[in-house]
Amino acid sequence: FKQKTAYEIRNCDWSSDVCSSDLEEIRGMVDALNGLFARLAETLEKERRFTANAAHELRTPLAAVKVHAQNLLSETDTESARRAAQSIINGVDRMTRVVEQLLTLSRLESGQAITRQTVRLARLGGELVRDIQPLAAQRDIHLTQQLPEGLSVQSYENGLYVLLRNLLDNAMRYTPSGGQVHLRMAAEASQLHIEIADTGPGIPPQERERVFERFVRLAGQKTSGSGLGLSIVKELVERLEGEIRLDDTSLPATSGLSVHVYLPLS
């Protein structure tokens, strides 16, 4: 701005030719920045709409493919055909999970206001354990819980459910058969401390920040996944004004992971 200081510009006589020139330079820069921000906002909104629409449109055909594959599985006699049908079902399940996670990310990024309500943690934890129990039984994993009776929190119930469901689902998928997963909730000062511990392979300390990035999967992992689960968890924790930390498992095991989430009680 022609070497003028901010003080000189603020206290300038804008009727003078010199100051009018400065004003035009500032106005041009502001207009250019406003135009850039508007184009960025429009581009991001288009991307969010595309993700949401594409994910929503995929749900119905995926469900139809799964039904046909299940019918094929029940009607076929040969072992090779049954394995092929089961592979189709497993693939559809993986794709459906990715679609659901993309929809969740789209809703989180839309900027919609969160409506908080009273959430009874024992009831929420009980629902989670019931929903995840079939997967635990299928993988022969011992699922335990430690939930506070009578403790409630003012939070976003669906968001809290999705957060915990993603963490439990991750723990189940990466814990080998015969392992353990433990869910614990406790009030600590003005915070709700949630811990989900498992006896899986764990995550090396140097990788624990990177796994919150989208589509990141660590080398050597054999479990199928999209790399979206922990990024969704991170987004939900931030929207709930909390913190998340990864540590070695607190269970008596040679390896494993403990995920600690801290949320405000009020």
C-alpha atoms as a PDB file:
ATOM      1  CA  PHE A   1       0.000   0.000   0.000  1.00  0.00           C
ATOM      2  CA  LYS A   2       2.703   2.457  -1.026  1.00  0.00           C
ATOM      3  CA  GLN A   3       4.577   1.878   2.225  1.00  0.00           C
ATOM      4  CA  LYS A   4       1.755   3.406   4.317  1.00  0.00           C
ATOM      5  CA  THR A   5       1.240   2.010   7.823  1.00  0.00           C
ATOM      6  CA  ALA A   6      -2.164   0.766   9.017  1.00  0.00           C
ATOM      7  CA  TYR A   7      -2.410   3.851  11.267  1.00  0.00           C
ATOM      8  CA  GLU A   8      -1.763   6.214   8.359  1.00  0.00           C
ATOM      9  CA  ILE A   9      -4.382   4.476   6.220  1.00  0.00           C
ATOM     10  CA  ARG A  10      -7.020   4.529   9.007  1.00  0.00           C
ATOM     11  CA  ASN A  11      -6.436   8.244   9.642  1.00  0.00           C
ATOM     12  CA  CYS A  12      -6.159   9.254   6.023  1.00  0.00           C
ATOM     13  CA  ASP A  13      -8.245  11.930   4.363  1.00  0.00           C
ATOM     14  CA  TRP A  14      -9.946   9.700   1.806  1.00  0.00           C
ATOM     15  CA  SER A  15     -10.873  12.669  -0.300  1.00  0.00           C
ATOM     16  CA  SER A  16      -7.210  13.092  -1.224  1.00  0.00           C
ATOM     17  CA  ASP A  17      -5.879  11.455  -4.377  1.00  0.00           C
ATOM     18  CA  VAL A  18      -3.225   9.434  -2.498  1.00  0.00           C
ATOM     19  CA  CYS A  19      -5.671   7.908  -0.033  1.00  0.00           C
ATOM     20  CA  SER A  20      -8.275   7.224  -2.714  1.00  0.00           C
ATOM     21  CA  SER A  21      -5.636   5.220  -4.554  1.00  0.00           C
ATOM     22  CA  ASP A  22      -4.890   3.224  -1.406  1.00  0.00           C
ATOM     23  CA  LEU A  23      -8.598   2.577  -0.896  1.00  0.00           C
ATOM     24  CA  GLU A  24      -8.957   1.224  -4.423  1.00  0.00           C
ATOM     25  CA  GLU A  25      -6.016  -1.124  -3.884  1.00  0.00           C
ATOM     26  CA  ILE A  26      -7.524  -2.460  -0.647  1.00  0.00           C
ATOM     27  CA  ARG A  27     -10.981  -2.786  -2.191  1.00  0.00           C
ATOM     28  CA  GLY A  28      -9.581  -4.752  -5.106  1.00  0.00           C
ATOM     29  CA  MET A  29      -7.747  -7.154  -2.776  1.00  0.00           C
ATOM     30  CA  VAL A  30     -10.838  -7.635  -0.581  1.00  0.00           C
ATOM     31  CA  ASP A  31     -13.046  -8.273  -3.621  1.00  0.00           C
ATOM     32  CA  ALA A  32     -10.560 -10.820  -4.956  1.00  0.00           C
ATOM     33  CA  LEU A  33     -10.398 -12.635  -1.602  1.00  0.00           C
ATOM     34  CA  ASN A  34     -14.194 -12.645  -1.247  1.00  0.00           C
ATOM     35  CA  GLY A  35     -14.512 -14.085  -4.730  1.00  0.00           C
ATOM     36  CA  LEU A  36     -11.951 -16.799  -3.932  1.00  0.00           C
ATOM     37  CA  PHE A  37     -13.698 -17.771  -0.671  1.00  0.00           C
ATOM     38  CA  ALA A  38     -17.073 -17.881  -2.408  1.00  0.00           C
ATOM     39  CA  ARG A  39     -15.731 -20.178  -5.133  1.00  0.00           C
ATOM     40  CA  LEU A  40     -14.080 -22.436  -2.545  1.00  0.00           C
ATOM     41  CA  ALA A  41     -17.301 -22.653  -0.514  1.00  0.00           C
ATOM     42  CA  GLU A  42     -19.296 -23.496  -3.648  1.00  0.00           C
ATOM     43  CA  THR A  43     -16.800 -26.189  -4.682  1.00  0.00           C
ATOM     44  CA  LEU A  44     -16.815 -27.795  -1.216  1.00  0.00           C
ATOM     45  CA  GLU A  45     -20.617 -27.727  -1.098  1.00  0.00           C
ATOM     46  CA  LYS A  46     -20.803 -29.411  -4.519  1.00  0.00           C
ATOM     47  CA  GLU A  47     -18.391 -32.103  -3.347  1.00  0.00           C
ATOM     48  CA  ARG A  48     -20.462 -32.726  -0.204  1.00  0.00           C
ATOM     49  CA  ARG A  49     -23.676 -32.953  -2.196  1.00  0.00           C
ATOM     50  CA  PHE A  50     -22.069 -35.331  -4.682  1.00  0.00           C
ATOM     51  CA  THR A  51     -20.753 -37.582  -1.897  1.00  0.00           C
ATOM     52  CA  ALA A  52     -24.112 -37.650  -0.122  1.00  0.00           C
ATOM     53  CA  ASN A  53     -26.111 -38.267  -3.299  1.00  0.00           C
ATOM     54  CA  ALA A  54     -23.767 -40.946  -4.625  1.00  0.00           C
ATOM     55  CA  ALA A  55     -23.687 -42.770  -1.279  1.00  0.00           C
ATOM     56  CA  HIS A  56     -27.469 -42.572  -0.936  1.00  0.00           C
ATOM     57  CA  GLU A  57     -28.051 -43.902  -4.468  1.00  0.00           C
ATOM     58  CA  LEU A  58     -25.694 -46.829  -3.855  1.00  0.00           C
ATOM     59  CA  ARG A  59     -27.538 -48.138  -0.810  1.00  0.00           C
ATOM     60  CA  THR A  60     -30.536 -49.619  -2.661  1.00  0.00           C
ATOM     61  CA  PRO A  61     -28.648 -51.535  -5.385  1.00  0.00           C
ATOM     62  CA  LEU A  62     -26.182 -52.858  -2.814  1.00  0.00           C
ATOM     63  CA  ALA A  63     -29.045 -54.165  -0.703  1.00  0.00           C
ATOM     64  CA  ALA A  64     -30.573 -55.813  -3.787  1.00  0.00           C
ATOM     65  CA  VAL A  65     -27.270 -57.475  -4.740  1.00  0.00           C
ATOM     66  CA  LYS A  66     -26.926 -58.850  -1.217  1.00  0.00           C
ATOM     67  CA  VAL A  67     -30.442 -60.338  -1.293  1.00  0.00           C
ATOM     68  CA  HIS A  68     -29.728 -62.072  -4.619  1.00  0.00           C
ATOM     69  CA  ALA A  69     -26.408 -63.392  -3.318  1.00  0.00           C
ATOM     70  CA  GLN A  70     -28.100 -64.731  -0.175  1.00  0.00           C
ATOM     71  CA  ASN A  71     -30.729 -66.469  -2.310  1.00  0.00           C
ATOM     72  CA  LEU A  72     -27.983 -67.990  -4.423  1.00  0.00           C
ATOM     73  CA  LEU A  73     -26.165 -69.152  -1.294  1.00  0.00           C
ATOM     74  CA  SER A  74     -29.264 -70.933   0.039  1.00  0.00           C
ATOM     75  CA  GLU A  75     -30.140 -72.621  -3.275  1.00  0.00           C
ATOM     76  CA  THR A  76     -26.763 -73.780  -4.550  1.00  0.00           C
ATOM     77  CA  ASP A  77     -25.395 -77.253  -3.820  1.00  0.00           C
ATOM     78  CA  THR A  78     -21.746 -77.105  -4.844  1.00  0.00           C
ATOM     79  CA  GLU A  79     -19.126 -75.897  -2.391  1.00  0.00           C
ATOM     80  CA  SER A  80     -17.378 -73.691  -4.960  1.00  0.00           C
ATOM     81  CA  ALA A  81     -20.633 -71.893  -5.806  1.00  0.00           C
ATOM     82  CA  ARG A  82     -21.371 -71.382  -2.117  1.00  0.00           C
ATOM     83  CA  ARG A  83     -17.926 -69.858  -1.594  1.00  0.00           C
ATOM     84  CA  ALA A  84     -18.461 -67.547  -4.564  1.00  0.00           C
ATOM     85  CA  ALA A  85     -21.844 -66.433  -3.232  1.00  0.00           C
ATOM     86  CA  GLN A  86     -20.382 -65.812   0.214  1.00  0.00           C
ATOM     87  CA  SER A  87     -17.596 -63.741  -1.348  1.00  0.00           C
ATOM     88  CA  ILE A  88     -20.218 -61.587  -3.046  1.00  0.00           C
ATOM     89  CA  ILE A  89     -22.025 -61.085   0.268  1.00  0.00           C
ATOM     90  CA  ASN A  90     -18.785 -60.164   2.027  1.00  0.00           C
ATOM     91  CA  GLY A  91     -17.911 -57.688  -0.720  1.00  0.00           C
ATOM     92  CA  VAL A  92     -21.335 -56.076  -0.566  1.00  0.00           C
ATOM     93  CA  ASP A  93     -21.058 -55.783   3.221  1.00  0.00           C
ATOM     94  CA  ARG A  94     -17.723 -53.976   2.853  1.00  0.00           C
ATOM     95  CA  MET A  95     -19.121 -51.627   0.205  1.00  0.00           C
ATOM     96  CA  THR A  96     -22.221 -50.937   2.314  1.00  0.00           C
ATOM     97  CA  ARG A  97     -20.020 -50.008   5.265  1.00  0.00           C
ATOM     98  CA  VAL A  98     -18.032 -47.566   3.120  1.00  0.00           C
ATOM     99  CA  VAL A  99     -21.276 -46.024   1.832  1.00  0.00           C
ATOM    100  CA  GLU A 100     -22.630 -45.587   5.360  1.00  0.00           C
ATOM    101  CA  GLN A 101     -19.372 -43.957   6.461  1.00  0.00           C
ATOM    102  CA  LEU A 102     -19.388 -41.598   3.481  1.00  0.00           C
ATOM    103  CA  LEU A 103     -22.930 -40.570   4.366  1.00  0.00           C
ATOM    104  CA  THR A 104     -21.876 -39.961   7.964  1.00  0.00           C
ATOM    105  CA  LEU A 105     -18.939 -37.816   6.837  1.00  0.00           C
ATOM    106  CA  SER A 106     -21.202 -35.851   4.519  1.00  0.00           C
ATOM    107  CA  ARG A 107     -23.632 -35.103   7.345  1.00  0.00           C
ATOM    108  CA  LEU A 108     -20.799 -34.067   9.657  1.00  0.00           C
ATOM    109  CA  GLU A 109     -19.284 -31.728   7.069  1.00  0.00           C
ATOM    110  CA  SER A 110     -22.612 -30.094   6.227  1.00  0.00           C
ATOM    111  CA  GLY A 111     -22.213 -27.863   9.283  1.00  0.00           C
ATOM    112  CA  GLN A 112     -25.670 -28.642  10.652  1.00  0.00           C
ATOM    113  CA  ALA A 113     -26.198 -27.522  14.220  1.00  0.00           C
ATOM    114  CA  ILE A 114     -26.064 -30.211  16.889  1.00  0.00           C
ATOM    115  CA  THR A 115     -29.128 -30.577  19.087  1.00  0.00           C
ATOM    116  CA  ARG A 116     -27.987 -31.777  22.495  1.00  0.00           C
ATOM    117  CA  GLN A 117     -30.134 -33.845  24.802  1.00  0.00           C
ATOM    118  CA  THR A 118     -29.822 -35.934  27.947  1.00  0.00           C
ATOM    119  CA  VAL A 119     -28.227 -39.282  27.149  1.00  0.00           C
ATOM    120  CA  ARG A 120     -28.334 -42.076  29.745  1.00  0.00           C
ATOM    121  CA  LEU A 121     -24.978 -43.763  29.332  1.00  0.00           C
ATOM    122  CA  ALA A 122     -25.961 -47.158  30.761  1.00  0.00           C
ATOM    123  CA  ARG A 123     -28.832 -47.433  28.275  1.00  0.00           C
ATOM    124  CA  LEU A 124     -26.679 -46.250  25.362  1.00  0.00           C
ATOM    125  CA  GLY A 125     -23.895 -48.673  26.297  1.00  0.00           C
ATOM    126  CA  GLY A 126     -26.373 -51.518  26.621  1.00  0.00           C
ATOM    127  CA  GLU A 127     -27.751 -50.830  23.143  1.00  0.00           C
ATOM    128  CA  LEU A 128     -24.231 -50.733  21.719  1.00  0.00           C
ATOM    129  CA  VAL A 129     -23.262 -54.033  23.303  1.00  0.00           C
ATOM    130  CA  ARG A 130     -26.455 -55.698  22.051  1.00  0.00           C
ATOM    131  CA  ASP A 131     -25.856 -54.382  18.520  1.00  0.00           C
ATOM    132  CA  ILE A 132     -22.209 -55.447  18.414  1.00  0.00           C
ATOM    133  CA  GLN A 133     -22.685 -58.816  20.173  1.00  0.00           C
ATOM    134  CA  PRO A 134     -23.445 -60.781  16.955  1.00  0.00           C
ATOM    135  CA  LEU A 135     -20.097 -59.689  15.508  1.00  0.00           C
ATOM    136  CA  ALA A 136     -18.368 -60.619  18.782  1.00  0.00           C
ATOM    137  CA  ALA A 137     -19.962 -64.072  18.724  1.00  0.00           C
ATOM    138  CA  GLN A 138     -19.077 -64.553  15.064  1.00  0.00           C
ATOM    139  CA  ARG A 139     -15.416 -63.715  15.732  1.00  0.00           C
ATOM    140  CA  ASP A 140     -15.293 -65.544  19.105  1.00  0.00           C
ATOM    141  CA  ILE A 141     -14.334 -62.361  20.965  1.00  0.00           C
ATOM    142  CA  HIS A 142     -15.075 -61.874  24.667  1.00  0.00           C
ATOM    143  CA  LEU A 143     -16.855 -58.512  24.998  1.00  0.00           C
ATOM    144  CA  THR A 144     -17.101 -56.956  28.467  1.00  0.00           C
ATOM    145  CA  GLN A 145     -18.478 -53.658  29.697  1.00  0.00           C
ATOM    146  CA  GLN A 146     -18.222 -51.364  32.695  1.00  0.00           C
ATOM    147  CA  LEU A 147     -20.999 -48.781  32.522  1.00  0.00           C
ATOM    148  CA  PRO A 148     -21.966 -46.199  35.180  1.00  0.00           C
ATOM    149  CA  GLU A 149     -25.486 -46.646  36.517  1.00  0.00           C
ATOM    150  CA  GLY A 150     -27.459 -43.432  36.748  1.00  0.00           C
ATOM    151  CA  LEU A 151     -24.896 -41.274  34.901  1.00  0.00           C
ATOM    152  CA  SER A 152     -26.195 -39.038  32.108  1.00  0.00           C
ATOM    153  CA  VAL A 153     -24.534 -36.556  29.793  1.00  0.00           C
ATOM    154  CA  GLN A 154     -25.833 -33.631  27.751  1.00  0.00           C
ATOM    155  CA  SER A 155     -24.711 -34.638  24.289  1.00  0.00           C
ATOM    156  CA  TYR A 156     -25.665 -35.541  20.763  1.00  0.00           C
ATOM    157  CA  GLU A 157     -27.125 -39.035  21.178  1.00  0.00           C
ATOM    158  CA  ASN A 158     -26.844 -40.248  17.598  1.00  0.00           C
ATOM    159  CA  GLY A 159     -23.341 -38.790  17.289  1.00  0.00           C
ATOM    160  CA  LEU A 160     -22.253 -40.467  20.524  1.00  0.00           C
ATOM    161  CA  TYR A 161     -23.696 -43.780  19.326  1.00  0.00           C
ATOM    162  CA  VAL A 162     -21.914 -43.552  15.946  1.00  0.00           C
ATOM    163  CA  LEU A 163     -18.658 -42.614  17.680  1.00  0.00           C
ATOM    164  CA  LEU A 164     -18.758 -45.604  20.026  1.00  0.00           C
ATOM    165  CA  ARG A 165     -20.066 -47.992  17.378  1.00  0.00           C
ATOM    166  CA  ASN A 166     -17.161 -47.133  15.068  1.00  0.00           C
ATOM    167  CA  LEU A 167     -14.623 -47.657  17.857  1.00  0.00           C
ATOM    168  CA  LEU A 168     -16.160 -50.956  18.943  1.00  0.00           C
ATOM    169  CA  ASP A 169     -16.443 -52.130  15.349  1.00  0.00           C
ATOM    170  CA  ASN A 170     -12.761 -51.326  14.757  1.00  0.00           C
ATOM    171  CA  ALA A 171     -11.748 -53.149  17.933  1.00  0.00           C
ATOM    172  CA  MET A 172     -13.753 -56.224  16.909  1.00  0.00           C
ATOM    173  CA  ARG A 173     -12.361 -56.330  13.386  1.00  0.00           C
ATOM    174  CA  TYR A 174      -8.717 -56.040  14.400  1.00  0.00           C
ATOM    175  CA  THR A 175      -8.812 -58.314  17.448  1.00  0.00           C
ATOM    176  CA  PRO A 176      -8.012 -61.920  16.523  1.00  0.00           C
ATOM    177  CA  SER A 177     -10.367 -64.778  17.343  1.00  0.00           C
ATOM    178  CA  GLY A 178     -10.413 -65.599  21.051  1.00  0.00           C
ATOM    179  CA  GLY A 179      -9.373 -62.075  22.025  1.00  0.00           C
ATOM    180  CA  GLN A 180     -10.991 -59.493  24.302  1.00  0.00           C
ATOM    181  CA  VAL A 181     -12.656 -56.099  23.878  1.00  0.00           C
ATOM    182  CA  HIS A 182     -13.630 -53.991  26.885  1.00  0.00           C
ATOM    183  CA  LEU A 183     -15.883 -50.902  26.993  1.00  0.00           C
ATOM    184  CA  ARG A 184     -15.622 -48.642  30.024  1.00  0.00           C
ATOM    185  CA  MET A 185     -17.298 -45.325  30.845  1.00  0.00           C
ATOM    186  CA  ALA A 186     -16.656 -43.258  33.972  1.00  0.00           C
ATOM    187  CA  ALA A 187     -17.111 -39.712  35.239  1.00  0.00           C
ATOM    188  CA  GLU A 188     -13.799 -38.059  36.026  1.00  0.00           C
ATOM    189  CA  ALA A 189     -14.086 -34.507  37.413  1.00  0.00           C
ATOM    190  CA  SER A 190     -16.065 -32.566  34.790  1.00  0.00           C
ATOM    191  CA  GLN A 191     -15.411 -35.071  32.006  1.00  0.00           C
ATOM    192  CA  LEU A 192     -16.817 -38.329  30.740  1.00  0.00           C
ATOM    193  CA  HIS A 193     -13.972 -40.781  30.152  1.00  0.00           C
ATOM    194  CA  ILE A 194     -14.711 -43.483  27.594  1.00  0.00           C
ATOM    195  CA  GLU A 195     -12.190 -46.265  27.022  1.00  0.00           C
ATOM    196  CA  ILE A 196     -12.352 -49.072  24.488  1.00  0.00           C
ATOM    197  CA  ALA A 197      -9.498 -51.537  24.948  1.00  0.00           C
ATOM    198  CA  ASP A 198      -8.684 -54.575  22.830  1.00  0.00           C
ATOM    199  CA  THR A 199      -6.091 -57.338  22.510  1.00  0.00           C
ATOM    200  CA  GLY A 200      -5.420 -56.820  18.813  1.00  0.00           C
ATOM    201  CA  PRO A 201      -2.123 -55.939  17.096  1.00  0.00           C
ATOM    202  CA  GLY A 202      -2.203 -52.338  18.340  1.00  0.00           C
ATOM    203  CA  ILE A 203      -0.892 -49.268  16.506  1.00  0.00           C
ATOM    204  CA  PRO A 204       2.775 -48.187  16.674  1.00  0.00           C
ATOM    205  CA  PRO A 205       3.181 -44.892  18.597  1.00  0.00           C
ATOM    206  CA  GLN A 206       4.620 -43.122  15.546  1.00  0.00           C
ATOM    207  CA  GLU A 207       1.491 -43.961  13.507  1.00  0.00           C
ATOM    208  CA  ARG A 208      -1.166 -42.985  16.049  1.00  0.00           C
ATOM    209  CA  GLU A 209      -1.785 -39.502  14.674  1.00  0.00           C
ATOM    210  CA  ARG A 210      -1.751 -40.556  11.038  1.00  0.00           C
ATOM    211  CA  VAL A 211      -4.533 -43.148  11.440  1.00  0.00           C
ATOM    212  CA  PHE A 212      -7.046 -40.327  11.985  1.00  0.00           C
ATOM    213  CA  GLU A 213      -6.516 -39.196   8.382  1.00  0.00           C
ATOM    214  CA  ARG A 214      -9.003 -40.368   5.777  1.00  0.00           C
ATOM    215  CA  PHE A 215      -8.363 -43.566   3.835  1.00  0.00           C
ATOM    216  CA  VAL A 216      -5.165 -44.289   5.783  1.00  0.00           C
ATOM    217  CA  ARG A 217      -4.518 -47.977   6.349  1.00  0.00           C
ATOM    218  CA  LEU A 218      -1.323 -49.207   7.957  1.00  0.00           C
ATOM    219  CA  ALA A 219       1.007 -51.477   6.027  1.00  0.00           C
ATOM    220  CA  GLY A 220       0.609 -55.178   6.720  1.00  0.00           C
ATOM    221  CA  GLN A 221      -3.036 -55.015   7.806  1.00  0.00           C
ATOM    222  CA  LYS A 222      -5.027 -58.014   6.579  1.00  0.00           C
ATOM    223  CA  THR A 223      -8.410 -56.919   7.926  1.00  0.00           C
ATOM    224  CA  SER A 224     -10.624 -55.325   5.285  1.00  0.00           C
ATOM    225  CA  GLY A 225     -11.607 -51.706   5.800  1.00  0.00           C
ATOM    226  CA  SER A 226     -11.929 -48.309   4.167  1.00  0.00           C
ATOM    227  CA  GLY A 227      -9.727 -46.183   6.415  1.00  0.00           C
ATOM    228  CA  LEU A 228     -12.674 -43.925   7.289  1.00  0.00           C
ATOM    229  CA  GLY A 229     -13.729 -45.182  10.732  1.00  0.00           C
ATOM    230  CA  LEU A 230     -11.209 -43.272  12.867  1.00  0.00           C
ATOM    231  CA  SER A 231     -11.505 -40.100  10.775  1.00  0.00           C
ATOM    232  CA  ILE A 232     -15.265 -40.122  11.470  1.00  0.00           C
ATOM    233  CA  VAL A 233     -14.564 -40.696  15.166  1.00  0.00           C
ATOM    234  CA  LYS A 234     -12.130 -37.772  15.228  1.00  0.00           C
ATOM    235  CA  GLU A 235     -14.673 -35.489  13.549  1.00  0.00           C
ATOM    236  CA  LEU A 236     -17.400 -36.515  16.012  1.00  0.00           C
ATOM    237  CA  VAL A 237     -15.140 -36.015  19.041  1.00  0.00           C
ATOM    238  CA  GLU A 238     -14.282 -32.503  17.856  1.00  0.00           C
ATOM    239  CA  ARG A 239     -17.946 -31.650  17.251  1.00  0.00           C
ATOM    240  CA  LEU A 240     -18.737 -32.873  20.763  1.00  0.00           C
ATOM    241  CA  GLU A 241     -15.942 -30.606  22.081  1.00  0.00           C
ATOM    242  CA  GLY A 242     -13.894 -33.523  23.361  1.00  0.00           C
ATOM    243  CA  GLU A 243     -10.470 -35.087  22.980  1.00  0.00           C
ATOM    244  CA  ILE A 244      -9.254 -38.482  21.804  1.00  0.00           C
ATOM    245  CA  ARG A 245      -6.021 -40.311  22.560  1.00  0.00           C
ATOM    246  CA  LEU A 246      -4.577 -43.685  21.543  1.00  0.00           C
ATOM    247  CA  ASP A 247      -2.444 -45.724  23.930  1.00  0.00           C
ATOM    248  CA  ASP A 248      -1.271 -49.259  24.614  1.00  0.00           C
ATOM    249  CA  THR A 249      -4.038 -51.561  25.783  1.00  0.00           C
ATOM    250  CA  SER A 250      -4.973 -51.531  29.467  1.00  0.00           C
ATOM    251  CA  LEU A 251      -5.992 -55.195  29.253  1.00  0.00           C
ATOM    252  CA  PRO A 252      -3.562 -57.926  30.401  1.00  0.00           C
ATOM    253  CA  ALA A 253      -2.177 -58.706  26.935  1.00  0.00           C
ATOM    254  CA  THR A 254       1.128 -58.585  25.084  1.00  0.00           C
ATOM    255  CA  SER A 255      -0.333 -56.255  22.446  1.00  0.00           C
ATOM    256  CA  GLY A 256      -3.438 -54.214  21.825  1.00  0.00           C
ATOM    257  CA  LEU A 257      -4.867 -50.725  21.760  1.00  0.00           C
ATOM    258  CA  SER A 258      -6.782 -48.514  24.178  1.00  0.00           C
ATOM    259  CA  VAL A 259      -8.776 -45.626  22.726  1.00  0.00           C
ATOM    260  CA  HIS A 260      -9.487 -42.890  25.286  1.00  0.00           C
ATOM    261  CA  VAL A 261     -12.215 -40.340  24.586  1.00  0.00           C
ATOM    262  CA  TYR A 262     -12.836 -37.390  26.926  1.00  0.00           C
ATOM    263  CA  LEU A 263     -16.110 -35.486  26.611  1.00  0.00           C
ATOM    264  CA  PRO A 264     -17.539 -32.673  28.727  1.00  0.00           C
ATOM    265  CA  LEU A 265     -20.279 -33.849  31.072  1.00  0.00           C
ATOM    266  CA  SER A 266     -22.266 -30.629  30.808  1.00  0.00           C
END
